[in-house]
């Protein structure tokens, strides 16, 4: 991964975190946590899609969708862990 691609994934992760925090029922965790979860979610989403053999192709929109899916998964998992703690 080169520096440019890394920067794109960081930007996409931030966008996805903001979208996921906005779309999840019950609101997000605040801008900083939503963005952090979006960054982690972009990595998780990319890994999940790659593991399933789904290549979303290059493009901002598909990258945001993949990162958004990962961010939602991460937020749901975080809520489940936090609710039981």
PDB file of N, CA and C in Angstrom:
ATOM      1  N   UNK A   1       0.855  -1.169   0.000  1.00  0.00           N
ATOM      2  CA  UNK A   1       0.000   0.000   0.000  1.00  0.00           C
ATOM      3  C   UNK A   1       0.897   1.227   0.000  1.00  0.00           C
ATOM      4  N   UNK A   2       0.628   2.124  -0.915  1.00  0.00           N
ATOM      5  CA  UNK A   2       1.428   3.341  -0.948  1.00  0.00           C
ATOM      6  C   UNK A   2       0.773   4.419  -0.088  1.00  0.00           C
ATOM      7  N   UNK A   3       1.478   5.520   0.059  1.00  0.00           N
ATOM      8  CA  UNK A   3       1.016   6.586   0.942  1.00  0.00           C
ATOM      9  C   UNK A   3      -0.275   7.221   0.430  1.00  0.00           C
ATOM     10  N   UNK A   4      -0.410   7.353  -0.866  1.00  0.00           N
ATOM     11  CA  UNK A   4      -1.614   7.953  -1.433  1.00  0.00           C
ATOM     12  C   UNK A   4      -2.851   7.093  -1.147  1.00  0.00           C
ATOM     13  N   UNK A   5      -2.733   5.786  -1.343  1.00  0.00           N
ATOM     14  CA  UNK A   5      -3.848   4.882  -1.076  1.00  0.00           C
ATOM     15  C   UNK A   5      -4.202   4.886   0.409  1.00  0.00           C
ATOM     16  N   UNK A   6      -3.196   4.927   1.269  1.00  0.00           N
ATOM     17  CA  UNK A   6      -3.435   4.994   2.712  1.00  0.00           C
ATOM     18  C   UNK A   6      -4.208   6.265   3.060  1.00  0.00           C
ATOM     19  N   UNK A   7      -3.812   7.375   2.492  1.00  0.00           N
ATOM     20  CA  UNK A   7      -4.500   8.645   2.735  1.00  0.00           C
ATOM     21  C   UNK A   7      -5.946   8.612   2.274  1.00  0.00           C
ATOM     22  N   UNK A   8      -6.183   7.967   1.137  1.00  0.00           N
ATOM     23  CA  UNK A   8      -7.552   7.841   0.628  1.00  0.00           C
ATOM     24  C   UNK A   8      -8.397   7.020   1.586  1.00  0.00           C
ATOM     25  N   UNK A   9      -7.840   5.885   2.077  1.00  0.00           N
ATOM     26  CA  UNK A   9      -8.602   5.040   3.008  1.00  0.00           C
ATOM     27  C   UNK A   9      -8.865   5.763   4.330  1.00  0.00           C
ATOM     28  N   UNK A  10      -7.937   6.593   4.767  1.00  0.00           N
ATOM     29  CA  UNK A  10      -8.165   7.376   5.994  1.00  0.00           C
ATOM     30  C   UNK A  10      -9.320   8.349   5.764  1.00  0.00           C
ATOM     31  N   UNK A  11      -9.304   9.048   4.636  1.00  0.00           N
ATOM     32  CA  UNK A  11     -10.371   9.993   4.330  1.00  0.00           C
ATOM     33  C   UNK A  11     -11.711   9.276   4.190  1.00  0.00           C
ATOM     34  N   UNK A  12     -11.711   8.160   3.502  1.00  0.00           N
ATOM     35  CA  UNK A  12     -12.935   7.372   3.337  1.00  0.00           C
ATOM     36  C   UNK A  12     -13.425   6.860   4.690  1.00  0.00           C
ATOM     37  N   UNK A  13     -12.519   6.424   5.541  1.00  0.00           N
ATOM     38  CA  UNK A  13     -12.895   5.963   6.878  1.00  0.00           C
ATOM     39  C   UNK A  13     -13.522   7.064   7.710  1.00  0.00           C
ATOM     40  N   UNK A  14     -13.003   8.273   7.591  1.00  0.00           N
ATOM     41  CA  UNK A  14     -13.576   9.403   8.321  1.00  0.00           C
ATOM     42  C   UNK A  14     -14.990   9.708   7.826  1.00  0.00           C
ATOM     43  N   UNK A  15     -15.163   9.685   6.515  1.00  0.00           N
ATOM     44  CA  UNK A  15     -16.490   9.918   5.943  1.00  0.00           C
ATOM     45  C   UNK A  15     -17.453   8.822   6.393  1.00  0.00           C
ATOM     46  N   UNK A  16     -17.002   7.582   6.342  1.00  0.00           N
ATOM     47  CA  UNK A  16     -17.850   6.457   6.734  1.00  0.00           C
ATOM     48  C   UNK A  16     -18.212   6.525   8.214  1.00  0.00           C
ATOM     49  N   UNK A  17     -17.284   6.912   9.056  1.00  0.00           N
ATOM     50  CA  UNK A  17     -17.564   7.042  10.486  1.00  0.00           C
ATOM     51  C   UNK A  17     -18.616   8.097  10.755  1.00  0.00           C
ATOM     52  N   UNK A  18     -18.512   9.214  10.053  1.00  0.00           N
ATOM     53  CA  UNK A  18     -19.494  10.265  10.207  1.00  0.00           C
ATOM     54  C   UNK A  18     -20.862   9.772   9.750  1.00  0.00           C
ATOM     55  N   UNK A  19     -20.917   9.104   8.583  1.00  0.00           N
ATOM     56  CA  UNK A  19     -22.178   8.571   8.066  1.00  0.00           C
ATOM     57  C   UNK A  19     -22.774   7.524   8.995  1.00  0.00           C
ATOM     58  N   UNK A  20     -21.947   6.616   9.480  1.00  0.00           N
ATOM     59  CA  UNK A  20     -22.431   5.551  10.362  1.00  0.00           C
ATOM     60  C   UNK A  20     -22.965   6.129  11.664  1.00  0.00           C
ATOM     61  N   UNK A  21     -22.269   7.082  12.241  1.00  0.00           N
ATOM     62  CA  UNK A  21     -22.740   7.711  13.475  1.00  0.00           C
ATOM     63  C   UNK A  21     -24.043   8.451  13.265  1.00  0.00           C
ATOM     64  N   UNK A  22     -24.196   9.044  12.091  1.00  0.00           N
ATOM     65  CA  UNK A  22     -25.406   9.778  11.750  1.00  0.00           C
ATOM     66  C   UNK A  22     -26.583   8.832  11.509  1.00  0.00           C
ATOM     67  N   UNK A  23     -26.322   7.681  10.894  1.00  0.00           N
ATOM     68  CA  UNK A  23     -27.387   6.763  10.481  1.00  0.00           C
ATOM     69  C   UNK A  23     -27.814   5.778  11.570  1.00  0.00           C
ATOM     70  N   UNK A  24     -26.949   5.474  12.505  1.00  0.00           N
ATOM     71  CA  UNK A  24     -27.275   4.476  13.526  1.00  0.00           C
ATOM     72  C   UNK A  24     -28.343   5.015  14.468  1.00  0.00           C
ATOM     73  N   UNK A  25     -29.303   4.171  14.789  1.00  0.00           N
ATOM     74  CA  UNK A  25     -30.378   4.555  15.695  1.00  0.00           C
ATOM     75  C   UNK A  25     -29.797   4.869  17.073  1.00  0.00           C
ATOM     76  N   UNK A  26     -30.268   5.905  17.677  1.00  0.00           N
ATOM     77  CA  UNK A  26     -29.785   6.272  18.995  1.00  0.00           C
ATOM     78  C   UNK A  26     -28.608   7.226  18.940  1.00  0.00           C
ATOM     79  N   UNK A  27     -28.252   7.692  17.750  1.00  0.00           N
ATOM     80  CA  UNK A  27     -27.157   8.644  17.609  1.00  0.00           C
ATOM     81  C   UNK A  27     -25.810   7.989  17.707  1.00  0.00           C
ATOM     82  N   UNK A  28     -24.836   8.773  17.480  1.00  0.00           N
ATOM     83  CA  UNK A  28     -23.469   8.284  17.519  1.00  0.00           C
ATOM     84  C   UNK A  28     -22.849   8.494  18.884  1.00  0.00           C
ATOM     85  N   UNK A  29     -21.539   8.463  18.903  1.00  0.00           N
ATOM     86  CA  UNK A  29     -20.797   8.609  20.153  1.00  0.00           C
ATOM     87  C   UNK A  29     -20.105   9.953  20.238  1.00  0.00           C
ATOM     88  N   UNK A  30     -20.459  10.858  19.381  1.00  0.00           N
ATOM     89  CA  UNK A  30     -19.762  12.114  19.281  1.00  0.00           C
ATOM     90  C   UNK A  30     -18.827  12.043  18.076  1.00  0.00           C
ATOM     91  N   UNK A  31     -18.483  13.178  17.566  1.00  0.00           N
ATOM     92  CA  UNK A  31     -17.724  13.245  16.321  1.00  0.00           C
ATOM     93  C   UNK A  31     -16.401  12.494  16.395  1.00  0.00           C
ATOM     94  N   UNK A  32     -15.648  12.655  17.463  1.00  0.00           N
ATOM     95  CA  UNK A  32     -14.330  12.026  17.564  1.00  0.00           C
ATOM     96  C   UNK A  32     -14.435  10.497  17.567  1.00  0.00           C
ATOM     97  N   UNK A  33     -15.344   9.946  18.370  1.00  0.00           N
ATOM     98  CA  UNK A  33     -15.497   8.486  18.417  1.00  0.00           C
ATOM     99  C   UNK A  33     -16.071   7.939  17.126  1.00  0.00           C
ATOM    100  N   UNK A  34     -17.031   8.663  16.519  1.00  0.00           N
ATOM    101  CA  UNK A  34     -17.591   8.221  15.243  1.00  0.00           C
ATOM    102  C   UNK A  34     -16.501   8.156  14.172  1.00  0.00           C
ATOM    103  N   UNK A  35     -15.650   9.156  14.133  1.00  0.00           N
ATOM    104  CA  UNK A  35     -14.564   9.163  13.154  1.00  0.00           C
ATOM    105  C   UNK A  35     -13.566   8.039  13.433  1.00  0.00           C
ATOM    106  N   UNK A  36     -13.278   7.804  14.705  1.00  0.00           N
ATOM    107  CA  UNK A  36     -12.353   6.724  15.071  1.00  0.00           C
ATOM    108  C   UNK A  36     -12.923   5.361  14.698  1.00  0.00           C
ATOM    109  N   UNK A  37     -14.199   5.156  14.987  1.00  0.00           N
ATOM    110  CA  UNK A  37     -14.846   3.901  14.622  1.00  0.00           C
ATOM    111  C   UNK A  37     -14.927   3.759  13.105  1.00  0.00           C
ATOM    112  N   UNK A  38     -15.079   4.858  12.406  1.00  0.00           N
ATOM    113  CA  UNK A  38     -15.089   4.821  10.948  1.00  0.00           C
ATOM    114  C   UNK A  38     -13.747   4.404  10.377  1.00  0.00           C
ATOM    115  N   UNK A  39     -12.673   4.883  10.978  1.00  0.00           N
ATOM    116  CA  UNK A  39     -11.329   4.470  10.537  1.00  0.00           C
ATOM    117  C   UNK A  39     -11.133   2.978  10.745  1.00  0.00           C
ATOM    118  N   UNK A  40     -11.497   2.505  11.918  1.00  0.00           N
ATOM    119  CA  UNK A  40     -11.396   1.071  12.177  1.00  0.00           C
ATOM    120  C   UNK A  40     -12.333   0.275  11.291  1.00  0.00           C
ATOM    121  N   UNK A  41     -13.513   0.812  11.078  1.00  0.00           N
ATOM    122  CA  UNK A  41     -14.495   0.144  10.239  1.00  0.00           C
ATOM    123  C   UNK A  41     -14.073   0.044   8.792  1.00  0.00           C
ATOM    124  N   UNK A  42     -13.349   1.033   8.307  1.00  0.00           N
ATOM    125  CA  UNK A  42     -12.885   0.971   6.921  1.00  0.00           C
ATOM    126  C   UNK A  42     -11.913  -0.186   6.744  1.00  0.00           C
ATOM    127  N   UNK A  43     -11.087  -0.418   7.735  1.00  0.00           N
ATOM    128  CA  UNK A  43     -10.168  -1.554   7.680  1.00  0.00           C
ATOM    129  C   UNK A  43     -10.934  -2.869   7.768  1.00  0.00           C
ATOM    130  N   UNK A  44     -11.903  -2.936   8.682  1.00  0.00           N
ATOM    131  CA  UNK A  44     -12.706  -4.144   8.842  1.00  0.00           C
ATOM    132  C   UNK A  44     -13.537  -4.410   7.591  1.00  0.00           C
ATOM    133  N   UNK A  45     -14.169  -3.378   7.060  1.00  0.00           N
ATOM    134  CA  UNK A  45     -14.975  -3.540   5.856  1.00  0.00           C
ATOM    135  C   UNK A  45     -14.149  -4.014   4.676  1.00  0.00           C
ATOM    136  N   UNK A  46     -12.966  -3.424   4.499  1.00  0.00           N
ATOM    137  CA  UNK A  46     -12.081  -3.867   3.420  1.00  0.00           C
ATOM    138  C   UNK A  46     -11.663  -5.311   3.592  1.00  0.00           C
ATOM    139  N   UNK A  47     -11.364  -5.700   4.822  1.00  0.00           N
ATOM    140  CA  UNK A  47     -10.955  -7.088   5.096  1.00  0.00           C
ATOM    141  C   UNK A  47     -12.101  -8.053   4.834  1.00  0.00           C
ATOM    142  N   UNK A  48     -13.323  -7.712   5.288  1.00  0.00           N
ATOM    143  CA  UNK A  48     -14.482  -8.587   5.099  1.00  0.00           C
ATOM    144  C   UNK A  48     -14.762  -8.796   3.615  1.00  0.00           C
ATOM    145  N   UNK A  49     -14.802  -7.706   2.863  1.00  0.00           N
ATOM    146  CA  UNK A  49     -15.095  -7.825   1.438  1.00  0.00           C
ATOM    147  C   UNK A  49     -14.002  -8.603   0.710  1.00  0.00           C
ATOM    148  N   UNK A  50     -12.763  -8.398   1.093  1.00  0.00           N
ATOM    149  CA  UNK A  50     -11.658  -9.121   0.471  1.00  0.00           C
ATOM    150  C   UNK A  50     -11.727 -10.608   0.831  1.00  0.00           C
ATOM    151  N   UNK A  51     -12.035 -10.921   2.078  1.00  0.00           N
ATOM    152  CA  UNK A  51     -12.144 -12.311   2.521  1.00  0.00           C
ATOM    153  C   UNK A  51     -13.282 -13.039   1.807  1.00  0.00           C
ATOM    154  N   UNK A  52     -14.378 -12.336   1.568  1.00  0.00           N
ATOM    155  CA  UNK A  52     -15.508 -12.936   0.870  1.00  0.00           C
ATOM    156  C   UNK A  52     -15.280 -13.029  -0.639  1.00  0.00           C
ATOM    157  N   UNK A  53     -14.178 -12.473  -1.096  1.00  0.00           N
ATOM    158  CA  UNK A  53     -13.870 -12.530  -2.521  1.00  0.00           C
ATOM    159  C   UNK A  53     -14.612 -11.491  -3.342  1.00  0.00           C
ATOM    160  N   UNK A  54     -15.147 -10.495  -2.664  1.00  0.00           N
ATOM    161  CA  UNK A  54     -15.872  -9.427  -3.354  1.00  0.00           C
ATOM    162  C   UNK A  54     -14.908  -8.270  -3.555  1.00  0.00           C
ATOM    163  N   UNK A  55     -14.689  -7.937  -4.795  1.00  0.00           N
ATOM    164  CA  UNK A  55     -13.809  -6.826  -5.119  1.00  0.00           C
ATOM    165  C   UNK A  55     -14.668  -5.641  -5.521  1.00  0.00           C
ATOM    166  N   UNK A  56     -14.809  -4.655  -4.644  1.00  0.00           N
ATOM    167  CA  UNK A  56     -15.710  -3.552  -4.949  1.00  0.00           C
ATOM    168  C   UNK A  56     -15.199  -2.637  -6.055  1.00  0.00           C
ATOM    169  N   UNK A  57     -13.982  -2.816  -6.494  1.00  0.00           N
ATOM    170  CA  UNK A  57     -13.435  -1.950  -7.536  1.00  0.00           C
ATOM    171  C   UNK A  57     -12.973  -0.636  -6.959  1.00  0.00           C
ATOM    172  N   UNK A  58     -12.394   0.131  -7.802  1.00  0.00           N
ATOM    173  CA  UNK A  58     -11.889   1.430  -7.368  1.00  0.00           C
ATOM    174  C   UNK A  58     -12.954   2.477  -7.615  1.00  0.00           C
ATOM    175  N   UNK A  59     -13.049   3.379  -6.738  1.00  0.00           N
ATOM    176  CA  UNK A  59     -14.031   4.456  -6.848  1.00  0.00           C
ATOM    177  C   UNK A  59     -14.412   4.920  -5.459  1.00  0.00           C
ATOM    178  N   UNK A  60     -14.619   6.202  -5.355  1.00  0.00           N
ATOM    179  CA  UNK A  60     -14.928   6.778  -4.056  1.00  0.00           C
ATOM    180  C   UNK A  60     -16.207   6.212  -3.469  1.00  0.00           C
ATOM    181  N   UNK A  61     -17.241   6.108  -4.287  1.00  0.00           N
ATOM    182  CA  UNK A  61     -18.539   5.680  -3.764  1.00  0.00           C
ATOM    183  C   UNK A  61     -18.477   4.263  -3.202  1.00  0.00           C
ATOM    184  N   UNK A  62     -17.878   3.339  -3.948  1.00  0.00           N
ATOM    185  CA  UNK A  62     -17.797   1.962  -3.457  1.00  0.00           C
ATOM    186  C   UNK A  62     -16.883   1.858  -2.253  1.00  0.00           C
ATOM    187  N   UNK A  63     -15.835   2.637  -2.218  1.00  0.00           N
ATOM    188  CA  UNK A  63     -14.942   2.619  -1.053  1.00  0.00           C
ATOM    189  C   UNK A  63     -15.682   3.117   0.192  1.00  0.00           C
ATOM    190  N   UNK A  64     -16.505   4.145   0.032  1.00  0.00           N
ATOM    191  CA  UNK A  64     -17.273   4.669   1.163  1.00  0.00           C
ATOM    192  C   UNK A  64     -18.297   3.633   1.626  1.00  0.00           C
ATOM    193  N   UNK A  65     -18.933   2.930   0.690  1.00  0.00           N
ATOM    194  CA  UNK A  65     -19.915   1.899   1.058  1.00  0.00           C
ATOM    195  C   UNK A  65     -19.241   0.776   1.845  1.00  0.00           C
ATOM    196  N   UNK A  66     -18.098   0.308   1.359  1.00  0.00           N
ATOM    197  CA  UNK A  66     -17.362  -0.757   2.058  1.00  0.00           C
ATOM    198  C   UNK A  66     -16.956  -0.292   3.455  1.00  0.00           C
ATOM    199  N   UNK A  67     -16.428   0.913   3.570  1.00  0.00           N
ATOM    200  CA  UNK A  67     -16.022   1.443   4.866  1.00  0.00           C
ATOM    201  C   UNK A  67     -17.230   1.670   5.770  1.00  0.00           C
ATOM    202  N   UNK A  68     -18.354   2.106   5.190  1.00  0.00           N
ATOM    203  CA  UNK A  68     -19.576   2.324   5.951  1.00  0.00           C
ATOM    204  C   UNK A  68     -20.083   1.009   6.550  1.00  0.00           C
ATOM    205  N   UNK A  69     -20.079  -0.048   5.758  1.00  0.00           N
ATOM    206  CA  UNK A  69     -20.499  -1.365   6.245  1.00  0.00           C
ATOM    207  C   UNK A  69     -19.609  -1.791   7.417  1.00  0.00           C
ATOM    208  N   UNK A  70     -18.304  -1.634   7.255  1.00  0.00           N
ATOM    209  CA  UNK A  70     -17.383  -1.982   8.333  1.00  0.00           C
ATOM    210  C   UNK A  70     -17.597  -1.136   9.573  1.00  0.00           C
ATOM    211  N   UNK A  71     -17.851   0.161   9.388  1.00  0.00           N
ATOM    212  CA  UNK A  71     -18.075   1.051  10.532  1.00  0.00           C
ATOM    213  C   UNK A  71     -19.352   0.682  11.277  1.00  0.00           C
ATOM    214  N   UNK A  72     -20.402   0.337  10.539  1.00  0.00           N
ATOM    215  CA  UNK A  72     -21.651  -0.069  11.179  1.00  0.00           C
ATOM    216  C   UNK A  72     -21.437  -1.354  11.976  1.00  0.00           C
ATOM    217  N   UNK A  73     -20.728  -2.309  11.399  1.00  0.00           N
ATOM    218  CA  UNK A  73     -20.432  -3.559  12.103  1.00  0.00           C
ATOM    219  C   UNK A  73     -19.653  -3.271  13.380  1.00  0.00           C
ATOM    220  N   UNK A  74     -18.672  -2.386  13.282  1.00  0.00           N
ATOM    221  CA  UNK A  74     -17.857  -2.050  14.448  1.00  0.00           C
ATOM    222  C   UNK A  74     -18.675  -1.327  15.512  1.00  0.00           C
ATOM    223  N   UNK A  75     -19.561  -0.429  15.115  1.00  0.00           N
ATOM    224  CA  UNK A  75     -20.395   0.294  16.073  1.00  0.00           C
ATOM    225  C   UNK A  75     -21.364  -0.659  16.764  1.00  0.00           C
ATOM    226  N   UNK A  76     -21.983  -1.560  16.003  1.00  0.00           N
ATOM    227  CA  UNK A  76     -22.903  -2.536  16.598  1.00  0.00           C
ATOM    228  C   UNK A  76     -22.165  -3.428  17.590  1.00  0.00           C
ATOM    229  N   UNK A  77     -20.983  -3.903  17.209  1.00  0.00           N
ATOM    230  CA  UNK A  77     -20.191  -4.744  18.110  1.00  0.00           C
ATOM    231  C   UNK A  77     -19.796  -3.973  19.365  1.00  0.00           C
ATOM    232  N   UNK A  78     -19.409  -2.723  19.204  1.00  0.00           N
ATOM    233  CA  UNK A  78     -19.015  -1.902  20.347  1.00  0.00           C
ATOM    234  C   UNK A  78     -20.199  -1.680  21.276  1.00  0.00           C
ATOM    235  N   UNK A  79     -21.374  -1.456  20.711  1.00  0.00           N
ATOM    236  CA  UNK A  79     -22.568  -1.261  21.538  1.00  0.00           C
ATOM    237  C   UNK A  79     -22.933  -2.527  22.306  1.00  0.00           C
ATOM    238  N   UNK A  80     -22.766  -3.676  21.666  1.00  0.00           N
ATOM    239  CA  UNK A  80     -23.078  -4.948  22.343  1.00  0.00           C
ATOM    240  C   UNK A  80     -22.120  -5.180  23.515  1.00  0.00           C
ATOM    241  N   UNK A  81     -20.850  -4.904  23.321  1.00  0.00           N
ATOM    242  CA  UNK A  81     -19.861  -5.090  24.380  1.00  0.00           C
ATOM    243  C   UNK A  81     -20.085  -4.087  25.493  1.00  0.00           C
ATOM    244  N   UNK A  82     -20.328  -2.822  25.143  1.00  0.00           N
ATOM    245  CA  UNK A  82     -20.520  -1.774  26.130  1.00  0.00           C
ATOM    246  C   UNK A  82     -21.798  -1.983  26.939  1.00  0.00           C
ATOM    247  N   UNK A  83     -22.844  -2.505  26.300  1.00  0.00           N
ATOM    248  CA  UNK A  83     -24.114  -2.728  27.005  1.00  0.00           C
ATOM    249  C   UNK A  83     -23.983  -3.849  28.031  1.00  0.00           C
ATOM    250  N   UNK A  84     -23.077  -4.800  27.807  1.00  0.00           N
ATOM    251  CA  UNK A  84     -22.915  -5.930  28.732  1.00  0.00           C
ATOM    252  C   UNK A  84     -21.834  -5.670  29.773  1.00  0.00           C
ATOM    253  N   UNK A  85     -21.112  -4.598  29.643  1.00  0.00           N
ATOM    254  CA  UNK A  85     -20.019  -4.331  30.586  1.00  0.00           C
ATOM    255  C   UNK A  85     -20.521  -3.641  31.824  1.00  0.00           C
TER     256      UNK A  85
END
